[in-house]
Amino acid sequence: MKPEDLLHSLPTQTPKLTLNCPLLDRLLRGGIPCGTITEIAAESGVGKTQISLQLLLAAQLPTSCGGLSASSICLHSEFPFPFRRLHQLSLFYQSHIPNNPLDRIFIQPLHSPDHLLDLLSRLDSIVSQLNIRLIVIDSIAALFRSEFDNTPLELKRRSNLFFKIASKLKSQAQKFGLAVVVTNQVMDVIESSGNLRIGNSGFLCSSGRRVCPALGLSWANCVNIRLFLWREEERVDEEGGDIGSMLARRFIRVVFAPHLPDCSCEFVIKREGVFGVDR
């Protein structure tokens, strides 16, 4: 993967995978594009895994409904895997998918970056056989959380693994027309007395804190599209002027993408899935 690859706009005929929500699809101009790596970064509990589960099911929808008419695979490093929630969501797709939607979702746990590289090398032989068009990795940060020491040599080894993983994913995405979605965690931004930001060059906010996607600039250069989810707490006053409860509002933002402007949309998580809010 070359740096200039990240600057090219998407071909006009690039297939896209729906998020199964018109507002979210409109935000992304049709959905998650195939042939690229899309990162979804957020703190815990905001909705990145919920969106990932929704995409695993949406991939099976017919192309007339924005799907890929294909199977999907989820490589997960966050435990336990939310099987119950995936089953709950699948009930709302059965009217659009002829067979049991869960039969076409392949789930594989991940234990280390090297394990991920080994699995990706073996995927080449089964992607066509199983008609896989979506790869979800949830999450990339968890694989590197305690694997490396904070020394120059270890950080260099970590960066090399970033590039190997991203290069393999990008190659498979382009060769097989796959949509690749990778979730990432966030970390707090620490500012020194000289106002130097540690981590990515810019910062975002979630739950009233300055944060940035984990794994730094090296990993940021490996993805084509970065989506950021955040949460804001809002107090809802009760009738009579009494102090009410706190309401969590969730938002999704396009941080960078070769074909999209910096834009955002509010969303909610319901029993039926993730849906944009038009306010």
C-alpha atoms as a PDB file:
ATOM      1  CA  MET A   1       0.000   0.000   0.000  1.00  0.00           C
ATOM      2  CA  LYS A   2       1.412   3.385  -1.046  1.00  0.00           C
ATOM      3  CA  PRO A   3       0.615   6.747   0.614  1.00  0.00           C
ATOM      4  CA  GLU A   4      -0.862   8.078  -2.617  1.00  0.00           C
ATOM      5  CA  ASP A   5      -3.429   5.242  -2.567  1.00  0.00           C
ATOM      6  CA  LEU A   6      -5.129   7.014   0.334  1.00  0.00           C
ATOM      7  CA  LEU A   7      -5.583  10.207  -1.675  1.00  0.00           C
ATOM      8  CA  HIS A   8      -7.430   8.801  -4.658  1.00  0.00           C
ATOM      9  CA  SER A   9     -11.192   9.185  -4.822  1.00  0.00           C
ATOM     10  CA  LEU A  10     -13.260   6.042  -5.055  1.00  0.00           C
ATOM     11  CA  PRO A  11     -14.251   4.824  -8.516  1.00  0.00           C
ATOM     12  CA  THR A  12     -17.825   5.823  -9.301  1.00  0.00           C
ATOM     13  CA  GLN A  13     -18.912   2.173  -9.600  1.00  0.00           C
ATOM     14  CA  THR A  14     -17.430   1.008  -6.274  1.00  0.00           C
ATOM     15  CA  PRO A  15     -19.914  -1.391  -4.612  1.00  0.00           C
ATOM     16  CA  LYS A  16     -21.023  -0.275  -1.160  1.00  0.00           C
ATOM     17  CA  LEU A  17     -22.522  -2.097   1.779  1.00  0.00           C
ATOM     18  CA  THR A  18     -25.595  -0.563   3.359  1.00  0.00           C
ATOM     19  CA  LEU A  19     -25.799   0.099   7.085  1.00  0.00           C
ATOM     20  CA  ASN A  20     -29.494  -0.737   6.689  1.00  0.00           C
ATOM     21  CA  CYS A  21     -30.458   2.804   7.661  1.00  0.00           C
ATOM     22  CA  PRO A  22     -31.218   5.505   5.047  1.00  0.00           C
ATOM     23  CA  LEU A  23     -29.806   8.343   7.167  1.00  0.00           C
ATOM     24  CA  LEU A  24     -26.517   6.573   7.907  1.00  0.00           C
ATOM     25  CA  ASP A  25     -26.223   5.488   4.272  1.00  0.00           C
ATOM     26  CA  ARG A  26     -26.780   9.084   3.194  1.00  0.00           C
ATOM     27  CA  LEU A  27     -24.003  10.230   5.539  1.00  0.00           C
ATOM     28  CA  LEU A  28     -21.619   7.762   3.859  1.00  0.00           C
ATOM     29  CA  ARG A  29     -23.012   8.301   0.342  1.00  0.00           C
ATOM     30  CA  GLY A  30     -24.307   4.779   0.042  1.00  0.00           C
ATOM     31  CA  GLY A  31     -22.594   2.847   2.811  1.00  0.00           C
ATOM     32  CA  ILE A  32     -19.266   1.124   3.485  1.00  0.00           C
ATOM     33  CA  PRO A  33     -17.257   0.914   0.226  1.00  0.00           C
ATOM     34  CA  CYS A  34     -15.686  -2.333  -0.940  1.00  0.00           C
ATOM     35  CA  GLY A  35     -12.005  -2.486  -1.792  1.00  0.00           C
ATOM     36  CA  THR A  36     -10.950  -0.286   1.139  1.00  0.00           C
ATOM     37  CA  ILE A  37     -10.334  -0.409   4.897  1.00  0.00           C
ATOM     38  CA  THR A  38     -12.889   1.441   7.025  1.00  0.00           C
ATOM     39  CA  GLU A  39     -12.092   2.059  10.685  1.00  0.00           C
ATOM     40  CA  ILE A  40     -14.762   2.693  13.325  1.00  0.00           C
ATOM     41  CA  ALA A  41     -13.202   4.248  16.435  1.00  0.00           C
ATOM     42  CA  ALA A  42     -15.001   4.866  19.715  1.00  0.00           C
ATOM     43  CA  GLU A  43     -14.795   4.447  23.436  1.00  0.00           C
ATOM     44  CA  SER A  44     -16.426   1.395  24.988  1.00  0.00           C
ATOM     45  CA  GLY A  45     -20.213   1.300  24.970  1.00  0.00           C
ATOM     46  CA  VAL A  46     -20.871   3.883  22.246  1.00  0.00           C
ATOM     47  CA  GLY A  47     -21.864   1.484  19.468  1.00  0.00           C
ATOM     48  CA  LYS A  48     -18.948   0.292  17.313  1.00  0.00           C
ATOM     49  CA  THR A  49     -19.686  -3.393  17.960  1.00  0.00           C
ATOM     50  CA  GLN A  50     -23.415  -2.780  17.401  1.00  0.00           C
ATOM     51  CA  ILE A  51     -22.700  -1.313  13.971  1.00  0.00           C
ATOM     52  CA  SER A  52     -20.324  -4.195  13.220  1.00  0.00           C
ATOM     53  CA  LEU A  53     -23.019  -6.775  14.010  1.00  0.00           C
ATOM     54  CA  GLN A  54     -25.486  -4.889  11.840  1.00  0.00           C
ATOM     55  CA  LEU A  55     -23.032  -4.939   8.931  1.00  0.00           C
ATOM     56  CA  LEU A  56     -22.462  -8.700   9.325  1.00  0.00           C
ATOM     57  CA  LEU A  57     -26.179  -9.184   8.694  1.00  0.00           C
ATOM     58  CA  ALA A  58     -26.611  -6.439   6.097  1.00  0.00           C
ATOM     59  CA  ALA A  59     -23.965  -8.085   3.887  1.00  0.00           C
ATOM     60  CA  GLN A  60     -26.453 -10.898   3.198  1.00  0.00           C
ATOM     61  CA  LEU A  61     -29.150  -8.575   1.893  1.00  0.00           C
ATOM     62  CA  PRO A  62     -29.707  -8.627  -1.882  1.00  0.00           C
ATOM     63  CA  THR A  63     -27.904  -5.950  -3.876  1.00  0.00           C
ATOM     64  CA  SER A  64     -31.284  -4.360  -4.622  1.00  0.00           C
ATOM     65  CA  CYS A  65     -31.507  -3.593  -0.883  1.00  0.00           C
ATOM     66  CA  GLY A  66     -27.934  -2.328  -0.615  1.00  0.00           C
ATOM     67  CA  GLY A  67     -26.395  -5.609   0.523  1.00  0.00           C
ATOM     68  CA  LEU A  68     -23.730  -7.757  -1.098  1.00  0.00           C
ATOM     69  CA  SER A  69     -25.709 -11.033  -1.317  1.00  0.00           C
ATOM     70  CA  ALA A  70     -22.786 -12.662   0.444  1.00  0.00           C
ATOM     71  CA  SER A  71     -21.413 -14.165   3.622  1.00  0.00           C
ATOM     72  CA  SER A  72     -19.250 -12.361   6.162  1.00  0.00           C
ATOM     73  CA  ILE A  73     -16.543 -13.195   8.670  1.00  0.00           C
ATOM     74  CA  CYS A  74     -15.914 -11.598  12.054  1.00  0.00           C
ATOM     75  CA  LEU A  75     -12.453 -11.875  13.636  1.00  0.00           C
ATOM     76  CA  HIS A  76     -12.890 -10.771  17.236  1.00  0.00           C
ATOM     77  CA  SER A  77     -10.423 -10.027  20.010  1.00  0.00           C
ATOM     78  CA  GLU A  78     -12.996  -8.653  22.448  1.00  0.00           C
ATOM     79  CA  PHE A  79     -14.480 -11.308  24.713  1.00  0.00           C
ATOM     80  CA  PRO A  80     -17.082 -12.601  25.123  1.00  0.00           C
ATOM     81  CA  PHE A  81     -18.520 -12.333  21.631  1.00  0.00           C
ATOM     82  CA  PRO A  82     -22.126 -10.946  21.752  1.00  0.00           C
ATOM     83  CA  PHE A  83     -23.874 -14.004  20.278  1.00  0.00           C
ATOM     84  CA  ARG A  84     -27.169 -13.174  21.991  1.00  0.00           C
ATOM     85  CA  ARG A  85     -27.289  -9.669  20.512  1.00  0.00           C
ATOM     86  CA  LEU A  86     -26.377 -10.985  17.049  1.00  0.00           C
ATOM     87  CA  HIS A  87     -29.207 -13.504  17.259  1.00  0.00           C
ATOM     88  CA  GLN A  88     -31.627 -10.777  18.372  1.00  0.00           C
ATOM     89  CA  LEU A  89     -30.679  -8.588  15.403  1.00  0.00           C
ATOM     90  CA  SER A  90     -30.918 -11.516  12.976  1.00  0.00           C
ATOM     91  CA  LEU A  91     -34.645 -11.872  13.696  1.00  0.00           C
ATOM     92  CA  PHE A  92     -35.273  -8.567  11.918  1.00  0.00           C
ATOM     93  CA  TYR A  93     -33.498  -9.745   8.742  1.00  0.00           C
ATOM     94  CA  GLN A  94     -35.272 -13.049   8.222  1.00  0.00           C
ATOM     95  CA  SER A  95     -37.953 -11.533   5.999  1.00  0.00           C
ATOM     96  CA  HIS A  96     -35.272 -10.318   3.551  1.00  0.00           C
ATOM     97  CA  ILE A  97     -32.930 -13.338   3.730  1.00  0.00           C
ATOM     98  CA  PRO A  98     -34.261 -16.751   2.619  1.00  0.00           C
ATOM     99  CA  ASN A  99     -32.211 -18.872   5.055  1.00  0.00           C
ATOM    100  CA  ASN A 100     -31.085 -18.456   8.654  1.00  0.00           C
ATOM    101  CA  PRO A 101     -28.870 -15.309   8.576  1.00  0.00           C
ATOM    102  CA  LEU A 102     -26.567 -16.730  11.243  1.00  0.00           C
ATOM    103  CA  ASP A 103     -25.560 -19.593   8.931  1.00  0.00           C
ATOM    104  CA  ARG A 104     -23.622 -17.184   6.711  1.00  0.00           C
ATOM    105  CA  ILE A 105     -21.675 -15.397   9.434  1.00  0.00           C
ATOM    106  CA  PHE A 106     -18.339 -17.023  10.306  1.00  0.00           C
ATOM    107  CA  ILE A 107     -16.843 -16.092  13.669  1.00  0.00           C
ATOM    108  CA  GLN A 108     -13.222 -16.612  14.676  1.00  0.00           C
ATOM    109  CA  PRO A 109     -11.509 -15.424  17.885  1.00  0.00           C
ATOM    110  CA  LEU A 110      -8.156 -13.627  17.691  1.00  0.00           C
ATOM    111  CA  HIS A 111      -5.367 -13.887  20.240  1.00  0.00           C
ATOM    112  CA  SER A 112      -2.443 -11.879  18.858  1.00  0.00           C
ATOM    113  CA  PRO A 113      -1.327  -9.795  15.862  1.00  0.00           C
ATOM    114  CA  ASP A 114       0.617 -12.791  14.528  1.00  0.00           C
ATOM    115  CA  HIS A 115      -2.518 -14.920  14.830  1.00  0.00           C
ATOM    116  CA  LEU A 116      -4.393 -12.342  12.759  1.00  0.00           C
ATOM    117  CA  LEU A 117      -1.716 -12.386  10.054  1.00  0.00           C
ATOM    118  CA  ASP A 118      -1.846 -16.180   9.930  1.00  0.00           C
ATOM    119  CA  LEU A 119      -5.647 -16.180   9.583  1.00  0.00           C
ATOM    120  CA  LEU A 120      -5.542 -13.550   6.843  1.00  0.00           C
ATOM    121  CA  SER A 121      -3.069 -15.621   4.848  1.00  0.00           C
ATOM    122  CA  ARG A 122      -5.448 -18.587   5.026  1.00  0.00           C
ATOM    123  CA  LEU A 123      -8.488 -16.530   4.051  1.00  0.00           C
ATOM    124  CA  ASP A 124      -7.390 -16.372   0.413  1.00  0.00           C
ATOM    125  CA  SER A 125      -8.393 -19.981  -0.124  1.00  0.00           C
ATOM    126  CA  ILE A 126     -11.862 -19.737   1.437  1.00  0.00           C
ATOM    127  CA  VAL A 127     -13.154 -16.256   0.527  1.00  0.00           C
ATOM    128  CA  SER A 128     -14.405 -17.371  -2.892  1.00  0.00           C
ATOM    129  CA  GLN A 129     -15.440 -20.796  -1.662  1.00  0.00           C
ATOM    130  CA  LEU A 130     -17.706 -19.357   1.060  1.00  0.00           C
ATOM    131  CA  ASN A 131     -18.694 -16.221  -0.929  1.00  0.00           C
ATOM    132  CA  ILE A 132     -17.324 -13.876   1.744  1.00  0.00           C
ATOM    133  CA  ARG A 133     -17.571 -10.173   0.894  1.00  0.00           C
ATOM    134  CA  LEU A 134     -17.187  -8.596   4.343  1.00  0.00           C
ATOM    135  CA  ILE A 135     -14.392  -8.888   6.915  1.00  0.00           C
ATOM    136  CA  VAL A 136     -14.928  -7.349  10.354  1.00  0.00           C
ATOM    137  CA  ILE A 137     -12.091  -7.126  12.898  1.00  0.00           C
ATOM    138  CA  ASP A 138     -13.295  -6.179  16.376  1.00  0.00           C
ATOM    139  CA  SER A 139     -11.008  -4.775  17.621  1.00  0.00           C
ATOM    140  CA  ILE A 140      -7.537  -4.061  16.292  1.00  0.00           C
ATOM    141  CA  ALA A 141      -6.439  -2.180  19.423  1.00  0.00           C
ATOM    142  CA  ALA A 142      -7.159  -5.115  21.738  1.00  0.00           C
ATOM    143  CA  LEU A 143      -4.558  -7.198  19.876  1.00  0.00           C
ATOM    144  CA  PHE A 144      -1.812  -4.683  20.611  1.00  0.00           C
ATOM    145  CA  ARG A 145      -2.938  -3.616  24.072  1.00  0.00           C
ATOM    146  CA  SER A 146      -0.409  -5.658  26.064  1.00  0.00           C
ATOM    147  CA  GLU A 147       1.672  -7.273  23.342  1.00  0.00           C
ATOM    148  CA  PHE A 148       4.481  -4.705  23.111  1.00  0.00           C
ATOM    149  CA  ASP A 149       6.728  -2.754  25.464  1.00  0.00           C
ATOM    150  CA  ASN A 150       7.122   1.003  25.123  1.00  0.00           C
ATOM    151  CA  THR A 151      10.651   0.868  23.689  1.00  0.00           C
ATOM    152  CA  PRO A 152      11.887   2.098  20.285  1.00  0.00           C
ATOM    153  CA  LEU A 153      12.582  -1.448  19.108  1.00  0.00           C
ATOM    154  CA  GLU A 154       9.162  -2.745  20.167  1.00  0.00           C
ATOM    155  CA  LEU A 155       7.363   0.274  18.717  1.00  0.00           C
ATOM    156  CA  LYS A 156       9.144  -0.283  15.413  1.00  0.00           C
ATOM    157  CA  ARG A 157       8.107  -3.944  15.450  1.00  0.00           C
ATOM    158  CA  ARG A 158       4.542  -2.881  16.189  1.00  0.00           C
ATOM    159  CA  SER A 159       4.505  -0.448  13.257  1.00  0.00           C
ATOM    160  CA  ASN A 160       5.833  -3.147  10.947  1.00  0.00           C
ATOM    161  CA  LEU A 161       2.950  -5.393  11.989  1.00  0.00           C
ATOM    162  CA  PHE A 162       0.486  -2.569  11.329  1.00  0.00           C
ATOM    163  CA  PHE A 163       1.740  -2.265   7.769  1.00  0.00           C
ATOM    164  CA  LYS A 164       1.781  -6.026   7.170  1.00  0.00           C
ATOM    165  CA  ILE A 165      -1.797  -6.424   8.434  1.00  0.00           C
ATOM    166  CA  ALA A 166      -3.080  -3.390   6.518  1.00  0.00           C
ATOM    167  CA  SER A 167      -1.264  -4.408   3.336  1.00  0.00           C
ATOM    168  CA  LYS A 168      -2.776  -7.888   3.481  1.00  0.00           C
ATOM    169  CA  LEU A 169      -6.265  -6.543   4.169  1.00  0.00           C
ATOM    170  CA  LYS A 170      -6.008  -3.961   1.383  1.00  0.00           C
ATOM    171  CA  SER A 171      -4.755  -6.594  -1.057  1.00  0.00           C
ATOM    172  CA  GLN A 172      -7.620  -8.967  -0.226  1.00  0.00           C
ATOM    173  CA  ALA A 173     -10.181  -6.142  -0.325  1.00  0.00           C
ATOM    174  CA  GLN A 174      -9.130  -5.175  -3.841  1.00  0.00           C
ATOM    175  CA  LYS A 175      -8.598  -8.716  -5.130  1.00  0.00           C
ATOM    176  CA  PHE A 176     -11.950 -10.094  -3.939  1.00  0.00           C
ATOM    177  CA  GLY A 177     -14.004  -6.885  -3.767  1.00  0.00           C
ATOM    178  CA  LEU A 178     -14.333  -7.086   0.005  1.00  0.00           C
ATOM    179  CA  ALA A 179     -15.586  -4.507   2.438  1.00  0.00           C
ATOM    180  CA  VAL A 180     -13.165  -4.434   5.388  1.00  0.00           C
ATOM    181  CA  VAL A 181     -14.291  -2.891   8.674  1.00  0.00           C
ATOM    182  CA  VAL A 182     -11.912  -2.581  11.625  1.00  0.00           C
ATOM    183  CA  THR A 183     -12.966  -1.255  15.017  1.00  0.00           C
ATOM    184  CA  ASN A 184     -10.552   0.672  17.193  1.00  0.00           C
ATOM    185  CA  GLN A 185     -10.543   1.956  20.736  1.00  0.00           C
ATOM    186  CA  VAL A 186      -9.692   5.481  21.844  1.00  0.00           C
ATOM    187  CA  MET A 187      -7.314   6.911  24.417  1.00  0.00           C
ATOM    188  CA  ASP A 188      -7.296  10.144  26.352  1.00  0.00           C
ATOM    189  CA  VAL A 189      -5.263  12.976  24.853  1.00  0.00           C
ATOM    190  CA  ILE A 190      -2.498  14.132  27.192  1.00  0.00           C
ATOM    191  CA  GLU A 191      -1.202  17.654  26.716  1.00  0.00           C
ATOM    192  CA  SER A 192       2.199  18.672  28.041  1.00  0.00           C
ATOM    193  CA  SER A 193       3.055  22.114  29.358  1.00  0.00           C
ATOM    194  CA  GLY A 194       4.196  22.958  25.837  1.00  0.00           C
ATOM    195  CA  ASN A 195       0.739  22.102  24.519  1.00  0.00           C
ATOM    196  CA  LEU A 196       2.137  19.144  22.565  1.00  0.00           C
ATOM    197  CA  ARG A 197      -0.521  16.596  21.751  1.00  0.00           C
ATOM    198  CA  ILE A 198       0.428  12.987  22.354  1.00  0.00           C
ATOM    199  CA  GLY A 199      -0.987  10.446  19.909  1.00  0.00           C
ATOM    200  CA  ASN A 200      -2.710  11.394  16.683  1.00  0.00           C
ATOM    201  CA  SER A 201      -2.180  14.940  15.424  1.00  0.00           C
ATOM    202  CA  GLY A 202      -5.758  15.956  16.198  1.00  0.00           C
ATOM    203  CA  PHE A 203      -8.162  15.190  19.014  1.00  0.00           C
ATOM    204  CA  LEU A 204     -11.848  14.444  19.317  1.00  0.00           C
ATOM    205  CA  CYS A 205     -14.237  14.515  22.278  1.00  0.00           C
ATOM    206  CA  SER A 206     -16.407  11.834  23.850  1.00  0.00           C
ATOM    207  CA  SER A 207     -18.139  11.820  27.236  1.00  0.00           C
ATOM    208  CA  GLY A 208     -16.625  15.254  27.918  1.00  0.00           C
ATOM    209  CA  ARG A 209     -13.042  14.027  27.419  1.00  0.00           C
ATOM    210  CA  ARG A 210     -10.494  14.745  24.717  1.00  0.00           C
ATOM    211  CA  VAL A 211      -9.677  11.478  23.014  1.00  0.00           C
ATOM    212  CA  CYS A 212      -8.013  10.155  19.867  1.00  0.00           C
ATOM    213  CA  PRO A 213      -8.086   6.741  18.183  1.00  0.00           C
ATOM    214  CA  ALA A 214      -5.600   4.269  19.629  1.00  0.00           C
ATOM    215  CA  LEU A 215      -2.409   3.022  17.940  1.00  0.00           C
ATOM    216  CA  GLY A 216      -1.226   6.438  16.798  1.00  0.00           C
ATOM    217  CA  LEU A 217      -0.286   7.904  13.457  1.00  0.00           C
ATOM    218  CA  SER A 218       1.286   4.717  12.092  1.00  0.00           C
ATOM    219  CA  TRP A 219      -2.048   2.909  12.188  1.00  0.00           C
ATOM    220  CA  ALA A 220      -4.002   5.972  11.021  1.00  0.00           C
ATOM    221  CA  ASN A 221      -1.952   5.892   7.812  1.00  0.00           C
ATOM    222  CA  CYS A 222      -3.054   2.292   7.221  1.00  0.00           C
ATOM    223  CA  VAL A 223      -6.798   2.951   6.916  1.00  0.00           C
ATOM    224  CA  ASN A 224      -8.657   4.632   4.062  1.00  0.00           C
ATOM    225  CA  ILE A 225     -11.694   5.832   5.997  1.00  0.00           C
ATOM    226  CA  ARG A 226     -11.979   6.752   9.668  1.00  0.00           C
ATOM    227  CA  LEU A 227     -15.375   7.002  11.331  1.00  0.00           C
ATOM    228  CA  PHE A 228     -15.565   8.259  14.905  1.00  0.00           C
ATOM    229  CA  LEU A 229     -18.438   7.556  17.298  1.00  0.00           C
ATOM    230  CA  TRP A 230     -18.901   9.655  20.391  1.00  0.00           C
ATOM    231  CA  ARG A 231     -21.299  10.148  23.258  1.00  0.00           C
ATOM    232  CA  GLU A 232     -22.627  13.278  24.931  1.00  0.00           C
ATOM    233  CA  GLU A 233     -24.476  13.352  28.244  1.00  0.00           C
ATOM    234  CA  GLU A 234     -27.531  15.620  28.367  1.00  0.00           C
ATOM    235  CA  ARG A 235     -29.669  16.292  31.432  1.00  0.00           C
ATOM    236  CA  VAL A 236     -33.417  15.869  30.878  1.00  0.00           C
ATOM    237  CA  ASP A 237     -35.431  18.006  33.290  1.00  0.00           C
ATOM    238  CA  GLU A 238     -38.663  16.574  34.625  1.00  0.00           C
ATOM    239  CA  GLU A 239     -41.971  18.394  34.886  1.00  0.00           C
ATOM    240  CA  GLY A 240     -42.205  20.871  37.734  1.00  0.00           C
ATOM    241  CA  GLY A 241     -38.576  21.917  37.446  1.00  0.00           C
ATOM    242  CA  ASP A 242     -37.199  18.843  39.195  1.00  0.00           C
ATOM    243  CA  ILE A 243     -33.735  17.688  38.193  1.00  0.00           C
ATOM    244  CA  GLY A 244     -34.132  14.814  35.805  1.00  0.00           C
ATOM    245  CA  SER A 245     -31.960  11.970  34.624  1.00  0.00           C
ATOM    246  CA  MET A 246     -29.006  12.043  32.255  1.00  0.00           C
ATOM    247  CA  LEU A 247     -29.622  11.095  28.613  1.00  0.00           C
ATOM    248  CA  ALA A 248     -26.795   9.723  26.492  1.00  0.00           C
ATOM    249  CA  ARG A 249     -26.819  10.964  22.880  1.00  0.00           C
ATOM    250  CA  ARG A 250     -24.651   9.199  20.309  1.00  0.00           C
ATOM    251  CA  PHE A 251     -23.111  10.594  17.135  1.00  0.00           C
ATOM    252  CA  ILE A 252     -21.087   9.334  14.171  1.00  0.00           C
ATOM    253  CA  ARG A 253     -18.596  11.522  12.301  1.00  0.00           C
ATOM    254  CA  VAL A 254     -16.534  11.108   9.147  1.00  0.00           C
ATOM    255  CA  VAL A 255     -13.027  12.111  10.269  1.00  0.00           C
ATOM    256  CA  PHE A 256     -11.390  11.402   6.933  1.00  0.00           C
ATOM    257  CA  ALA A 257     -12.299   9.637   3.698  1.00  0.00           C
ATOM    258  CA  PRO A 258     -11.183  10.178   0.091  1.00  0.00           C
ATOM    259  CA  HIS A 259     -14.759  10.636  -1.131  1.00  0.00           C
ATOM    260  CA  LEU A 260     -16.543  12.242   1.839  1.00  0.00           C
ATOM    261  CA  PRO A 261     -16.533  15.633   3.589  1.00  0.00           C
ATOM    262  CA  ASP A 262     -16.178  15.992   7.349  1.00  0.00           C
ATOM    263  CA  CYS A 263     -19.800  15.443   8.400  1.00  0.00           C
ATOM    264  CA  SER A 264     -21.753  13.883  11.263  1.00  0.00           C
ATOM    265  CA  CYS A 265     -25.113  12.460  12.269  1.00  0.00           C
ATOM    266  CA  GLU A 266     -26.809  11.496  15.516  1.00  0.00           C
ATOM    267  CA  PHE A 267     -27.856   7.864  15.943  1.00  0.00           C
ATOM    268  CA  VAL A 268     -29.672   5.639  18.420  1.00  0.00           C
ATOM    269  CA  ILE A 269     -29.364   1.966  19.315  1.00  0.00           C
ATOM    270  CA  LYS A 270     -32.681   0.147  19.393  1.00  0.00           C
ATOM    271  CA  ARG A 271     -33.707  -3.474  19.747  1.00  0.00           C
ATOM    272  CA  GLU A 272     -33.974  -3.622  15.943  1.00  0.00           C
ATOM    273  CA  GLY A 273     -30.505  -2.139  15.350  1.00  0.00           C
ATOM    274  CA  VAL A 274     -28.644   1.145  14.866  1.00  0.00           C
ATOM    275  CA  PHE A 275     -30.529   4.018  13.230  1.00  0.00           C
ATOM    276  CA  GLY A 276     -29.697   7.615  12.362  1.00  0.00           C
ATOM    277  CA  VAL A 277     -31.703  10.467  13.873  1.00  0.00           C
ATOM    278  CA  ASP A 278     -32.859  13.345  11.692  1.00  0.00           C
ATOM    279  CA  ARG A 279     -32.975  16.445  13.889  1.00  0.00           C
END
